[in-house]
Protein backbone atom coordinates (compact mmCIF):
# COMPACT_ATOMS: atom_id res chain seq x y z
CA UNK A 1 86.02 145.02 55.97
CA UNK A 2 83.92 147.14 58.29
CA UNK A 3 83.23 144.14 60.52
CA UNK A 4 86.81 142.99 60.95
CA UNK A 5 87.87 145.64 63.49
CA UNK A 6 84.83 144.80 65.63
CA UNK A 7 85.73 141.13 65.65
CA UNK A 8 89.35 141.92 66.42
CA UNK A 9 88.30 144.18 69.28
CA UNK A 10 86.07 141.46 70.66
CA UNK A 11 88.90 138.92 70.44
CA UNK A 12 91.17 141.38 72.18
CA UNK A 13 88.75 141.79 75.06
CA UNK A 14 88.55 137.99 75.51
CA UNK A 15 92.30 137.63 75.29
CA UNK A 16 92.87 140.13 78.10
CA UNK A 17 91.40 137.80 80.70
CA UNK A 18 92.50 134.15 80.27
CA UNK A 19 91.95 133.65 83.99
CA UNK A 20 88.30 134.64 83.58
CA UNK A 21 87.94 132.15 80.72
CA UNK A 22 89.46 129.41 82.88
CA UNK A 23 87.09 130.24 85.74
CA UNK A 24 84.19 130.02 83.31
CA UNK A 25 85.28 126.58 82.10
CA UNK A 26 85.68 125.32 85.67
CA UNK A 27 82.28 126.72 86.58
CA UNK A 28 80.70 124.93 83.62
CA UNK A 29 82.36 121.69 84.73
CA UNK A 30 80.85 122.05 88.20
CA UNK A 31 77.43 122.84 86.72
CA UNK A 32 77.58 119.70 84.55
CA UNK A 33 78.50 117.59 87.56
CA UNK A 34 75.72 119.06 89.68
CA UNK A 35 73.31 118.48 86.80
CA UNK A 36 74.21 114.80 86.86
CA UNK A 37 75.66 114.67 83.33
CA UNK A 38 78.92 113.23 84.61
CA UNK A 39 77.35 110.23 86.22
CA UNK A 40 78.21 107.95 83.32
CA UNK A 41 75.83 105.02 83.43
CA UNK A 42 73.74 106.25 86.38
CA UNK A 43 70.71 106.81 84.10
CA UNK A 44 70.17 103.04 84.28
CA UNK A 45 67.84 102.35 87.17
CA UNK A 46 67.70 99.25 89.29
CA UNK A 47 65.40 96.68 87.74
CA UNK A 48 65.67 98.13 84.22
CA UNK A 49 66.37 95.80 81.32
CA UNK A 50 70.11 95.94 80.62
CA UNK A 51 70.94 96.95 77.03
CA UNK A 52 71.99 93.87 75.06
CA UNK A 53 75.62 93.69 74.03
CA UNK A 54 77.15 91.43 71.38
CA UNK A 55 80.83 91.97 70.70
CA UNK A 56 83.93 90.00 69.72
CA UNK A 57 86.62 89.02 72.16
CA UNK A 58 90.33 89.29 71.35
CA UNK A 59 90.21 85.86 69.66
CA UNK A 60 87.39 86.91 67.32
CA UNK A 61 84.70 84.95 69.17
CA UNK A 62 81.25 86.55 69.50
CA UNK A 63 80.02 87.08 73.04
CA UNK A 64 76.40 88.15 73.68
CA UNK A 65 75.14 89.16 77.11
CA UNK A 66 71.70 87.77 76.29
CA UNK A 67 73.29 84.31 76.18
CA UNK A 68 74.58 84.81 79.74
CA UNK A 69 71.16 84.97 81.39
CA UNK A 70 71.07 82.76 84.42
CA UNK A 71 74.40 84.16 85.61
CA UNK A 72 75.41 87.44 87.18
CA UNK A 73 77.34 89.65 84.78
CA UNK A 74 79.79 92.43 85.59
CA UNK A 75 80.30 94.76 82.63
CA UNK A 76 83.37 96.96 83.07
CA UNK A 77 83.97 99.75 80.58
CA UNK A 78 87.58 100.88 80.46
CA UNK A 79 90.71 101.09 78.36
CA UNK A 80 93.97 99.16 78.59
CA UNK A 81 96.01 102.39 78.44
CA UNK A 82 94.01 103.97 81.28
CA UNK A 83 95.62 103.49 84.74
CA UNK A 84 92.35 103.76 86.69
CA UNK A 85 90.68 101.27 84.37
CA UNK A 86 93.51 98.81 84.97
CA UNK A 87 93.30 99.31 88.72
CA UNK A 88 89.53 98.86 88.64
CA UNK A 89 89.89 95.70 86.55
CA UNK A 90 92.31 94.21 89.08
CA UNK A 91 89.99 95.13 91.92
CA UNK A 92 87.03 93.53 90.15
CA UNK A 93 88.91 90.23 90.02
CA UNK A 94 89.96 90.59 93.67
CA UNK A 95 86.37 91.23 94.77
CA UNK A 96 85.15 88.16 92.85
CA UNK A 97 87.50 86.06 94.94
CA UNK A 98 85.95 87.14 98.23
CA UNK A 99 84.58 84.43 100.49
CA UNK A 100 81.15 86.09 100.71
CA UNK A 101 80.74 85.57 96.95
CA UNK A 102 81.89 81.95 96.95
CA UNK A 103 79.63 79.64 94.99
CA UNK A 104 78.13 82.38 92.83
CA UNK A 105 78.46 82.18 89.06
CA UNK A 106 79.67 85.63 88.08
CA UNK A 107 80.92 86.50 84.59
CA UNK A 108 83.22 89.56 84.41
CA UNK A 109 83.55 91.22 81.00
CA UNK A 110 85.83 94.14 80.20
CA UNK A 111 84.79 96.29 77.23
CA UNK A 112 87.40 98.42 75.47
CA UNK A 113 87.02 100.80 72.53
CA UNK A 114 90.61 101.76 71.85
CA UNK A 115 91.84 101.45 68.28
CA UNK A 116 94.51 98.74 68.29
CA UNK A 117 95.10 95.26 66.92
CA UNK A 118 93.93 92.26 68.91
CA UNK A 119 97.54 91.15 69.37
CA UNK A 120 98.48 94.54 70.77
CA UNK A 121 95.54 94.50 73.18
CA UNK A 122 96.47 91.01 74.32
CA UNK A 123 99.99 92.20 75.03
CA UNK A 124 98.70 95.21 76.97
CA UNK A 125 96.43 92.98 79.07
CA UNK A 126 99.10 90.34 79.69
CA UNK A 127 99.96 89.90 83.37
CA UNK A 128 97.54 92.64 84.50
CA UNK A 129 95.12 90.35 86.43
CA UNK A 130 92.17 91.66 84.42
CA UNK A 131 88.94 89.86 83.50
CA UNK A 132 89.78 86.94 81.22
CA UNK A 133 87.25 88.05 78.59
CA UNK A 134 87.99 91.39 76.97
CA UNK A 135 85.52 92.56 74.34
CA UNK A 136 86.23 95.04 71.56
CA UNK A 137 83.72 97.83 71.00
CA UNK A 138 85.20 99.19 67.76
CA UNK A 139 82.14 101.25 66.83
CA UNK A 140 81.45 102.25 70.45
CA UNK A 141 77.95 100.82 70.20
CA UNK A 142 78.09 99.36 73.70
CA UNK A 143 79.52 102.60 75.10
CA UNK A 144 76.67 104.51 73.47
CA UNK A 145 74.01 102.01 74.58
CA UNK A 146 75.14 102.45 78.18
CA UNK A 147 75.98 106.15 77.73
CA UNK A 148 79.42 105.72 79.24
CA UNK A 149 81.26 109.03 79.68
CA UNK A 150 83.38 108.18 82.72
CA UNK A 151 86.17 105.60 82.83
CA UNK A 152 86.02 103.16 84.39
CA UNK A 153 82.29 102.47 84.60
CA UNK A 154 80.78 99.23 85.89
CA UNK A 155 77.31 97.76 85.48
CA UNK A 156 76.16 94.78 87.56
CA UNK A 157 73.45 92.72 85.85
CA UNK A 158 71.52 89.97 87.64
CA UNK A 159 70.66 86.51 86.34
CA UNK A 160 67.42 87.83 84.82
CA UNK A 161 69.22 90.41 82.71
CA UNK A 162 68.16 93.31 84.95
CA UNK A 163 70.36 96.16 86.10
CA UNK A 164 71.30 95.89 89.78
CA UNK A 165 73.61 98.87 90.19
CA UNK A 166 75.99 101.10 88.23
CA UNK A 167 79.33 102.51 89.37
CA UNK A 168 80.73 105.51 87.52
CA UNK A 169 84.45 106.23 88.11
CA UNK A 170 86.98 104.62 90.44
CA UNK A 171 86.67 105.89 94.00
CA UNK A 172 87.60 104.66 97.47
CA UNK A 173 84.14 103.00 97.69
CA UNK A 174 84.54 101.02 94.47
CA UNK A 175 85.23 97.63 96.06
CA UNK A 176 82.48 97.99 98.67
CA UNK A 177 79.92 99.11 96.11
CA UNK A 178 80.79 96.25 93.78
CA UNK A 179 80.67 93.66 96.56
CA UNK A 180 77.31 94.90 97.85
CA UNK A 181 75.93 95.04 94.30
CA UNK A 182 76.88 91.40 93.72
CA UNK A 183 75.38 90.38 97.04
CA UNK A 184 72.18 92.21 96.08
CA UNK A 185 72.17 90.50 92.66
CA UNK A 186 72.51 87.11 94.35
CA UNK A 187 69.79 87.75 96.93
CA UNK A 188 72.24 87.65 99.83
CA UNK A 189 71.53 91.33 100.49
CA UNK A 190 68.11 92.97 100.43
CA UNK A 191 67.43 96.18 98.52
CA UNK A 192 66.79 97.96 101.83
CA UNK A 193 70.12 96.81 103.28
CA UNK A 194 71.91 97.82 100.09
CA UNK A 195 70.37 101.29 100.10
CA UNK A 196 71.32 101.83 103.73
CA UNK A 197 74.93 100.99 102.96
CA UNK A 198 74.89 102.97 99.71
CA UNK A 199 73.67 106.16 101.40
CA UNK A 200 74.57 105.94 105.09
CA UNK A 201 73.93 109.68 105.52
CA UNK A 202 70.23 109.02 104.91
CA UNK A 203 70.09 107.09 108.18
CA UNK A 204 70.16 110.46 109.96
CA UNK A 205 67.92 112.73 107.92
CA UNK A 206 67.67 115.13 110.86
CA UNK A 207 71.39 115.90 110.60
CA UNK A 208 71.68 118.44 107.76
CA UNK A 209 75.45 118.68 108.28
CA UNK A 210 75.89 115.00 107.44
CA UNK A 211 73.73 115.36 104.34
CA UNK A 212 75.75 118.40 103.22
CA UNK A 213 79.05 116.60 103.87
CA UNK A 214 77.89 113.63 101.81
CA UNK A 215 76.93 115.81 98.86
CA UNK A 216 80.18 117.77 99.01
CA UNK A 217 82.21 114.57 99.16
CA UNK A 218 80.43 113.14 96.13
CA UNK A 219 81.06 116.34 94.21
CA UNK A 220 84.72 116.33 95.27
CA UNK A 221 85.17 112.76 94.02
CA UNK A 222 83.76 113.68 90.62
CA UNK A 223 85.94 116.79 90.39
CA UNK A 224 89.06 114.79 91.22
CA UNK A 225 88.24 112.31 88.46
CA UNK A 226 88.43 115.22 86.01
CA UNK A 227 91.77 116.44 87.28
CA UNK A 228 90.26 119.48 89.03
CA UNK A 229 92.24 118.71 92.17
CA UNK A 230 92.24 122.19 93.72
CA UNK A 231 88.47 122.40 93.47
CA UNK A 232 88.13 118.84 94.78
CA UNK A 233 90.36 119.67 97.75
CA UNK A 234 88.18 122.68 98.53
CA UNK A 235 85.00 120.55 98.51
CA UNK A 236 86.57 117.85 100.71
CA UNK A 237 87.62 120.58 103.16
CA UNK A 238 84.11 122.03 103.16
CA UNK A 239 82.71 118.55 103.85
CA UNK A 240 85.00 118.03 106.85
CA UNK A 241 84.15 121.51 108.09
CA UNK A 242 80.43 120.82 107.77
CA UNK A 243 80.71 117.46 109.54
CA UNK A 244 83.94 116.96 111.50
CA UNK A 245 84.92 113.30 111.54
CA UNK A 246 83.03 112.50 108.32
CA UNK A 247 85.03 109.43 107.27
CA UNK A 248 84.49 109.43 103.44
CA UNK A 249 85.75 113.02 103.22
CA UNK A 250 88.82 112.26 105.34
CA UNK A 251 89.63 109.21 103.19
């Protein structure tokens, strides 16, 4: 009984400042992003052995990535109720139809974890121009193996079963990153060329403004993915201020 008033007083103090609590939550979100915890599958490094996945498709057929060695594999983690996942899935199929990738054997697989019947998932996927093979990850084992926390997330795996590149979230660079990753996986692009295109700001290391603009733009993209649009807008503005004409920030 003696402790109850103290707890009530403490609760009252917290309740007086909901704005402060909101600022704290937003600050924590920024800290997590800066710490790299929001990068989804980015812990996978180029050349690492890709975690093996064996799941059932919507017809109940087992599909194992280990059996796909010898071909380039695009693993796309998303959900059929998630608009950005659907858009990313359509863009994956569009990229695979590009002339620069003609002649390459590329297997796109979409992995979903939502709790629904196969017939319902088939209906949701119908007419959406998504990868033909959709795998069910009922126990989220594949999601956990790849540590997916951002939707959509994409992993490009080469013919030897090695990770080429990972893409966490759907941004304006999604198509370019996926295309370049596939070209790298096929040997049509060197690792040096890929890295130059992945981080163009590193071409001018003597320009600190360009480096700052690049970092602010990346942070803004991650904030926008979490619905923190005001904070994202602020970071984009800071990027343009730091480097006027910085194209990614303007886009």
